[in-house]
């Protein structure tokens, strides 16, 4: 991982379930990320997994979520 690349983490199934319940959405409504994306290669992802991306900002960090397609 490059120092400028945001941190990518695979959510556990129960964490993903809580996420979609919290925002009252389905997995299909999340933005997509390709299974072939080099940034998630070492996470051993499967189709439908949810990836949390932590980007650093001037006042801390922000979390973004993507579903693997």
PDB file of N, CA and C in Angstrom:
ATOM      1  N   UNK A   1       0.844  -1.171   0.000  1.00  0.00           N
ATOM      2  CA  UNK A   1       0.000   0.000   0.000  1.00  0.00           C
ATOM      3  C   UNK A   1       0.893   1.240   0.000  1.00  0.00           C
ATOM      4  N   UNK A   2       0.533   2.194  -0.803  1.00  0.00           N
ATOM      5  CA  UNK A   2       1.265   3.449  -0.894  1.00  0.00           C
ATOM      6  C   UNK A   2       0.857   4.367   0.250  1.00  0.00           C
ATOM      7  N   UNK A   3       1.767   5.235   0.689  1.00  0.00           N
ATOM      8  CA  UNK A   3       1.503   6.117   1.823  1.00  0.00           C
ATOM      9  C   UNK A   3       0.337   7.076   1.545  1.00  0.00           C
ATOM     10  N   UNK A   4       0.109   7.436   0.292  1.00  0.00           N
ATOM     11  CA  UNK A   4      -0.982   8.363  -0.042  1.00  0.00           C
ATOM     12  C   UNK A   4      -2.316   7.651  -0.286  1.00  0.00           C
ATOM     13  N   UNK A   5      -2.301   6.342  -0.340  1.00  0.00           N
ATOM     14  CA  UNK A   5      -3.526   5.581  -0.577  1.00  0.00           C
ATOM     15  C   UNK A   5      -4.347   5.487   0.702  1.00  0.00           C
ATOM     16  N   UNK A   6      -5.663   5.754   0.622  1.00  0.00           N
ATOM     17  CA  UNK A   6      -6.493   5.625   1.823  1.00  0.00           C
ATOM     18  C   UNK A   6      -6.554   4.173   2.303  1.00  0.00           C
ATOM     19  N   UNK A   7      -6.812   4.000   3.597  1.00  0.00           N
ATOM     20  CA  UNK A   7      -6.888   2.669   4.184  1.00  0.00           C
ATOM     21  C   UNK A   7      -8.182   1.979   3.758  1.00  0.00           C
ATOM     22  N   UNK A   8      -8.071   0.747   3.257  1.00  0.00           N
ATOM     23  CA  UNK A   8      -9.212  -0.061   2.842  1.00  0.00           C
ATOM     24  C   UNK A   8      -9.355  -1.227   3.814  1.00  0.00           C
ATOM     25  N   UNK A   9     -10.577  -1.452   4.311  1.00  0.00           N
ATOM     26  CA  UNK A   9     -10.853  -2.531   5.247  1.00  0.00           C
ATOM     27  C   UNK A   9     -12.117  -3.260   4.815  1.00  0.00           C
ATOM     28  N   UNK A  10     -12.088  -4.586   4.864  1.00  0.00           N
ATOM     29  CA  UNK A  10     -13.282  -5.376   4.549  1.00  0.00           C
ATOM     30  C   UNK A  10     -14.128  -5.483   5.809  1.00  0.00           C
ATOM     31  N   UNK A  11     -15.418  -5.129   5.709  1.00  0.00           N
ATOM     32  CA  UNK A  11     -16.323  -5.231   6.851  1.00  0.00           C
ATOM     33  C   UNK A  11     -16.768  -6.674   7.036  1.00  0.00           C
ATOM     34  N   UNK A  12     -16.979  -7.059   8.289  1.00  0.00           N
ATOM     35  CA  UNK A  12     -17.565  -8.363   8.585  1.00  0.00           C
ATOM     36  C   UNK A  12     -19.032  -8.325   8.167  1.00  0.00           C
ATOM     37  N   UNK A  13     -19.632  -9.480   7.984  1.00  0.00           N
ATOM     38  CA  UNK A  13     -21.021  -9.566   7.520  1.00  0.00           C
ATOM     39  C   UNK A  13     -21.974  -8.824   8.453  1.00  0.00           C
ATOM     40  N   UNK A  14     -21.790  -8.968   9.770  1.00  0.00           N
ATOM     41  CA  UNK A  14     -22.693  -8.298  10.714  1.00  0.00           C
ATOM     42  C   UNK A  14     -22.493  -6.773  10.683  1.00  0.00           C
ATOM     43  N   UNK A  15     -21.270  -6.317  10.425  1.00  0.00           N
ATOM     44  CA  UNK A  15     -21.022  -4.872  10.305  1.00  0.00           C
ATOM     45  C   UNK A  15     -21.707  -4.312   9.064  1.00  0.00           C
ATOM     46  N   UNK A  16     -21.659  -5.066   7.969  1.00  0.00           N
ATOM     47  CA  UNK A  16     -22.316  -4.630   6.738  1.00  0.00           C
ATOM     48  C   UNK A  16     -23.834  -4.583   6.922  1.00  0.00           C
ATOM     49  N   UNK A  17     -24.378  -5.548   7.642  1.00  0.00           N
ATOM     50  CA  UNK A  17     -25.818  -5.573   7.918  1.00  0.00           C
ATOM     51  C   UNK A  17     -26.227  -4.363   8.738  1.00  0.00           C
ATOM     52  N   UNK A  18     -25.427  -4.008   9.749  1.00  0.00           N
ATOM     53  CA  UNK A  18     -25.710  -2.826  10.569  1.00  0.00           C
ATOM     54  C   UNK A  18     -25.628  -1.549   9.740  1.00  0.00           C
ATOM     55  N   UNK A  19     -24.670  -1.498   8.810  1.00  0.00           N
ATOM     56  CA  UNK A  19     -24.495  -0.316   7.961  1.00  0.00           C
ATOM     57  C   UNK A  19     -25.728  -0.065   7.094  1.00  0.00           C
ATOM     58  N   UNK A  20     -26.217  -1.111   6.416  1.00  0.00           N
ATOM     59  CA  UNK A  20     -27.376  -0.917   5.544  1.00  0.00           C
ATOM     60  C   UNK A  20     -28.637  -0.630   6.357  1.00  0.00           C
ATOM     61  N   UNK A  21     -28.729  -1.181   7.569  1.00  0.00           N
ATOM     62  CA  UNK A  21     -29.876  -0.897   8.433  1.00  0.00           C
ATOM     63  C   UNK A  21     -29.818   0.549   8.940  1.00  0.00           C
ATOM     64  N   UNK A  22     -28.634   1.014   9.278  1.00  0.00           N
ATOM     65  CA  UNK A  22     -28.462   2.379   9.791  1.00  0.00           C
ATOM     66  C   UNK A  22     -28.911   3.417   8.772  1.00  0.00           C
ATOM     67  N   UNK A  23     -28.553   3.212   7.514  1.00  0.00           N
ATOM     68  CA  UNK A  23     -28.883   4.183   6.467  1.00  0.00           C
ATOM     69  C   UNK A  23     -30.150   3.817   5.694  1.00  0.00           C
ATOM     70  N   UNK A  24     -30.787   2.692   6.072  1.00  0.00           N
ATOM     71  CA  UNK A  24     -32.019   2.231   5.432  1.00  0.00           C
ATOM     72  C   UNK A  24     -31.848   2.126   3.913  1.00  0.00           C
ATOM     73  N   UNK A  25     -30.794   1.413   3.509  1.00  0.00           N
ATOM     74  CA  UNK A  25     -30.491   1.205   2.097  1.00  0.00           C
ATOM     75  C   UNK A  25     -30.239  -0.276   1.857  1.00  0.00           C
ATOM     76  N   UNK A  26     -30.062  -0.628   0.591  1.00  0.00           N
ATOM     77  CA  UNK A  26     -29.658  -1.994   0.254  1.00  0.00           C
ATOM     78  C   UNK A  26     -28.220  -1.950  -0.249  1.00  0.00           C
ATOM     79  N   UNK A  27     -27.582  -3.102  -0.330  1.00  0.00           N
ATOM     80  CA  UNK A  27     -26.211  -3.153  -0.826  1.00  0.00           C
ATOM     81  C   UNK A  27     -26.111  -2.625  -2.257  1.00  0.00           C
ATOM     82  N   UNK A  28     -27.163  -2.813  -3.040  1.00  0.00           N
ATOM     83  CA  UNK A  28     -27.159  -2.355  -4.432  1.00  0.00           C
ATOM     84  C   UNK A  28     -27.100  -0.834  -4.535  1.00  0.00           C
ATOM     85  N   UNK A  29     -27.468  -0.134  -3.474  1.00  0.00           N
ATOM     86  CA  UNK A  29     -27.462   1.325  -3.494  1.00  0.00           C
ATOM     87  C   UNK A  29     -26.101   1.918  -3.116  1.00  0.00           C
ATOM     88  N   UNK A  30     -25.188   1.085  -2.615  1.00  0.00           N
ATOM     89  CA  UNK A  30     -23.850   1.573  -2.296  1.00  0.00           C
ATOM     90  C   UNK A  30     -23.047   1.766  -3.578  1.00  0.00           C
ATOM     91  N   UNK A  31     -22.098   2.703  -3.571  1.00  0.00           N
ATOM     92  CA  UNK A  31     -21.185   2.818  -4.723  1.00  0.00           C
ATOM     93  C   UNK A  31     -20.411   1.514  -4.893  1.00  0.00           C
ATOM     94  N   UNK A  32     -19.956   1.257  -6.098  1.00  0.00           N
ATOM     95  CA  UNK A  32     -19.305  -0.009  -6.423  1.00  0.00           C
ATOM     96  C   UNK A  32     -17.784   0.135  -6.442  1.00  0.00           C
ATOM     97  N   UNK A  33     -17.103  -0.996  -6.205  1.00  0.00           N
ATOM     98  CA  UNK A  33     -15.662  -1.101  -6.390  1.00  0.00           C
ATOM     99  C   UNK A  33     -15.401  -2.458  -7.040  1.00  0.00           C
ATOM    100  N   UNK A  34     -14.533  -2.481  -8.014  1.00  0.00           N
ATOM    101  CA  UNK A  34     -14.244  -3.709  -8.743  1.00  0.00           C
ATOM    102  C   UNK A  34     -13.450  -4.687  -7.885  1.00  0.00           C
ATOM    103  N   UNK A  35     -13.761  -5.961  -8.043  1.00  0.00           N
ATOM    104  CA  UNK A  35     -13.020  -7.012  -7.343  1.00  0.00           C
ATOM    105  C   UNK A  35     -11.556  -7.012  -7.783  1.00  0.00           C
ATOM    106  N   UNK A  36     -11.285  -6.512  -8.985  1.00  0.00           N
ATOM    107  CA  UNK A  36      -9.934  -6.475  -9.545  1.00  0.00           C
ATOM    108  C   UNK A  36      -9.156  -5.218  -9.150  1.00  0.00           C
ATOM    109  N   UNK A  37      -9.750  -4.340  -8.346  1.00  0.00           N
ATOM    110  CA  UNK A  37      -9.088  -3.105  -7.934  1.00  0.00           C
ATOM    111  C   UNK A  37      -7.826  -3.445  -7.139  1.00  0.00           C
ATOM    112  N   UNK A  38      -6.676  -2.887  -7.525  1.00  0.00           N
ATOM    113  CA  UNK A  38      -5.421  -3.217  -6.827  1.00  0.00           C
ATOM    114  C   UNK A  38      -5.420  -2.838  -5.341  1.00  0.00           C
ATOM    115  N   UNK A  39      -6.193  -1.857  -4.958  1.00  0.00           N
ATOM    116  CA  UNK A  39      -6.190  -1.418  -3.560  1.00  0.00           C
ATOM    117  C   UNK A  39      -6.849  -2.429  -2.624  1.00  0.00           C
ATOM    118  N   UNK A  40      -7.663  -3.346  -3.138  1.00  0.00           N
ATOM    119  CA  UNK A  40      -8.313  -4.342  -2.283  1.00  0.00           C
ATOM    120  C   UNK A  40      -7.836  -5.760  -2.584  1.00  0.00           C
ATOM    121  N   UNK A  41      -6.795  -5.871  -3.392  1.00  0.00           N
ATOM    122  CA  UNK A  41      -6.285  -7.186  -3.800  1.00  0.00           C
ATOM    123  C   UNK A  41      -5.932  -8.069  -2.611  1.00  0.00           C
ATOM    124  N   UNK A  42      -5.248  -7.527  -1.619  1.00  0.00           N
ATOM    125  CA  UNK A  42      -4.782  -8.337  -0.490  1.00  0.00           C
ATOM    126  C   UNK A  42      -5.850  -8.565   0.581  1.00  0.00           C
ATOM    127  N   UNK A  43      -7.068  -8.058   0.395  1.00  0.00           N
ATOM    128  CA  UNK A  43      -8.128  -8.246   1.379  1.00  0.00           C
ATOM    129  C   UNK A  43      -8.910  -9.541   1.173  1.00  0.00           C
ATOM    130  N   UNK A  44      -8.631 -10.262   0.068  1.00  0.00           N
ATOM    131  CA  UNK A  44      -9.315 -11.519  -0.231  1.00  0.00           C
ATOM    132  C   UNK A  44     -10.830 -11.332  -0.232  1.00  0.00           C
ATOM    133  N   UNK A  45     -11.315 -10.461  -1.098  1.00  0.00           N
ATOM    134  CA  UNK A  45     -12.737 -10.116  -1.139  1.00  0.00           C
ATOM    135  C   UNK A  45     -13.519 -11.037  -2.065  1.00  0.00           C
ATOM    136  N   UNK A  46     -14.809 -11.104  -1.800  1.00  0.00           N
ATOM    137  CA  UNK A  46     -15.759 -11.837  -2.634  1.00  0.00           C
ATOM    138  C   UNK A  46     -16.807 -10.852  -3.125  1.00  0.00           C
ATOM    139  N   UNK A  47     -17.557 -11.232  -4.142  1.00  0.00           N
ATOM    140  CA  UNK A  47     -18.633 -10.380  -4.631  1.00  0.00           C
ATOM    141  C   UNK A  47     -19.632 -10.122  -3.517  1.00  0.00           C
ATOM    142  N   UNK A  48     -20.057  -8.867  -3.357  1.00  0.00           N
ATOM    143  CA  UNK A  48     -21.027  -8.516  -2.333  1.00  0.00           C
ATOM    144  C   UNK A  48     -20.426  -8.072  -1.016  1.00  0.00           C
ATOM    145  N   UNK A  49     -19.102  -8.218  -0.838  1.00  0.00           N
ATOM    146  CA  UNK A  49     -18.459  -7.728   0.383  1.00  0.00           C
ATOM    147  C   UNK A  49     -18.493  -6.204   0.409  1.00  0.00           C
ATOM    148  N   UNK A  50     -18.482  -5.645   1.601  1.00  0.00           N
ATOM    149  CA  UNK A  50     -18.482  -4.189   1.759  1.00  0.00           C
ATOM    150  C   UNK A  50     -17.099  -3.748   2.230  1.00  0.00           C
ATOM    151  N   UNK A  51     -16.569  -2.727   1.564  1.00  0.00           N
ATOM    152  CA  UNK A  51     -15.245  -2.193   1.864  1.00  0.00           C
ATOM    153  C   UNK A  51     -15.404  -0.813   2.487  1.00  0.00           C
ATOM    154  N   UNK A  52     -14.710  -0.593   3.607  1.00  0.00           N
ATOM    155  CA  UNK A  52     -14.688   0.726   4.241  1.00  0.00           C
ATOM    156  C   UNK A  52     -13.392   1.403   3.837  1.00  0.00           C
ATOM    157  N   UNK A  53     -13.504   2.641   3.352  1.00  0.00           N
ATOM    158  CA  UNK A  53     -12.342   3.417   2.933  1.00  0.00           C
ATOM    159  C   UNK A  53     -12.227   4.607   3.868  1.00  0.00           C
ATOM    160  N   UNK A  54     -11.081   4.730   4.525  1.00  0.00           N
ATOM    161  CA  UNK A  54     -10.847   5.823   5.471  1.00  0.00           C
ATOM    162  C   UNK A  54      -9.894   6.830   4.835  1.00  0.00           C
ATOM    163  N   UNK A  55     -10.417   8.003   4.535  1.00  0.00           N
ATOM    164  CA  UNK A  55      -9.614   9.065   3.934  1.00  0.00           C
ATOM    165  C   UNK A  55      -9.316  10.126   4.969  1.00  0.00           C
ATOM    166  N   UNK A  56      -8.070  10.550   5.021  1.00  0.00           N
ATOM    167  CA  UNK A  56      -7.676  11.596   5.954  1.00  0.00           C
ATOM    168  C   UNK A  56      -8.085  12.962   5.398  1.00  0.00           C
ATOM    169  N   UNK A  57      -8.600  13.803   6.297  1.00  0.00           N
ATOM    170  CA  UNK A  57      -8.974  15.165   5.942  1.00  0.00           C
ATOM    171  C   UNK A  57      -8.264  16.127   6.883  1.00  0.00           C
ATOM    172  N   UNK A  58      -8.448  17.402   6.652  1.00  0.00           N
ATOM    173  CA  UNK A  58      -7.793  18.388   7.509  1.00  0.00           C
ATOM    174  C   UNK A  58      -8.322  18.348   8.939  1.00  0.00           C
ATOM    175  N   UNK A  59      -9.584  17.922   9.150  1.00  0.00           N
ATOM    176  CA  UNK A  59     -10.125  17.842  10.508  1.00  0.00           C
ATOM    177  C   UNK A  59     -10.331  16.404  10.988  1.00  0.00           C
ATOM    178  N   UNK A  60      -9.515  15.484  10.534  1.00  0.00           N
ATOM    179  CA  UNK A  60      -9.626  14.104  11.005  1.00  0.00           C
ATOM    180  C   UNK A  60      -9.646  13.132   9.848  1.00  0.00           C
ATOM    181  N   UNK A  61     -10.707  12.330   9.797  1.00  0.00           N
ATOM    182  CA  UNK A  61     -10.847  11.383   8.690  1.00  0.00           C
ATOM    183  C   UNK A  61     -12.328  11.189   8.377  1.00  0.00           C
ATOM    184  N   UNK A  62     -12.586  10.723   7.166  1.00  0.00           N
ATOM    185  CA  UNK A  62     -13.947  10.434   6.716  1.00  0.00           C
ATOM    186  C   UNK A  62     -14.000   8.989   6.249  1.00  0.00           C
ATOM    187  N   UNK A  63     -15.159   8.374   6.426  1.00  0.00           N
ATOM    188  CA  UNK A  63     -15.358   6.995   6.015  1.00  0.00           C
ATOM    189  C   UNK A  63     -16.270   6.939   4.790  1.00  0.00           C
ATOM    190  N   UNK A  64     -15.899   6.105   3.837  1.00  0.00           N
ATOM    191  CA  UNK A  64     -16.697   5.857   2.656  1.00  0.00           C
ATOM    192  C   UNK A  64     -16.875   4.356   2.541  1.00  0.00           C
ATOM    193  N   UNK A  65     -17.962   3.939   1.945  1.00  0.00           N
ATOM    194  CA  UNK A  65     -18.241   2.508   1.820  1.00  0.00           C
ATOM    195  C   UNK A  65     -18.507   2.150   0.370  1.00  0.00           C
ATOM    196  N   UNK A  66     -18.006   0.999  -0.046  1.00  0.00           N
ATOM    197  CA  UNK A  66     -18.190   0.499  -1.412  1.00  0.00           C
ATOM    198  C   UNK A  66     -18.541  -0.975  -1.333  1.00  0.00           C
ATOM    199  N   UNK A  67     -19.337  -1.445  -2.298  1.00  0.00           N
ATOM    200  CA  UNK A  67     -19.657  -2.870  -2.387  1.00  0.00           C
ATOM    201  C   UNK A  67     -18.869  -3.456  -3.545  1.00  0.00           C
ATOM    202  N   UNK A  68     -18.331  -4.640  -3.350  1.00  0.00           N
ATOM    203  CA  UNK A  68     -17.490  -5.293  -4.354  1.00  0.00           C
ATOM    204  C   UNK A  68     -18.370  -5.896  -5.434  1.00  0.00           C
ATOM    205  N   UNK A  69     -18.030  -5.568  -6.686  1.00  0.00           N
ATOM    206  CA  UNK A  69     -18.732  -6.145  -7.855  1.00  0.00           C
ATOM    207  C   UNK A  69     -17.742  -6.825  -8.765  1.00  0.00           C
TER     208      UNK A  69
END
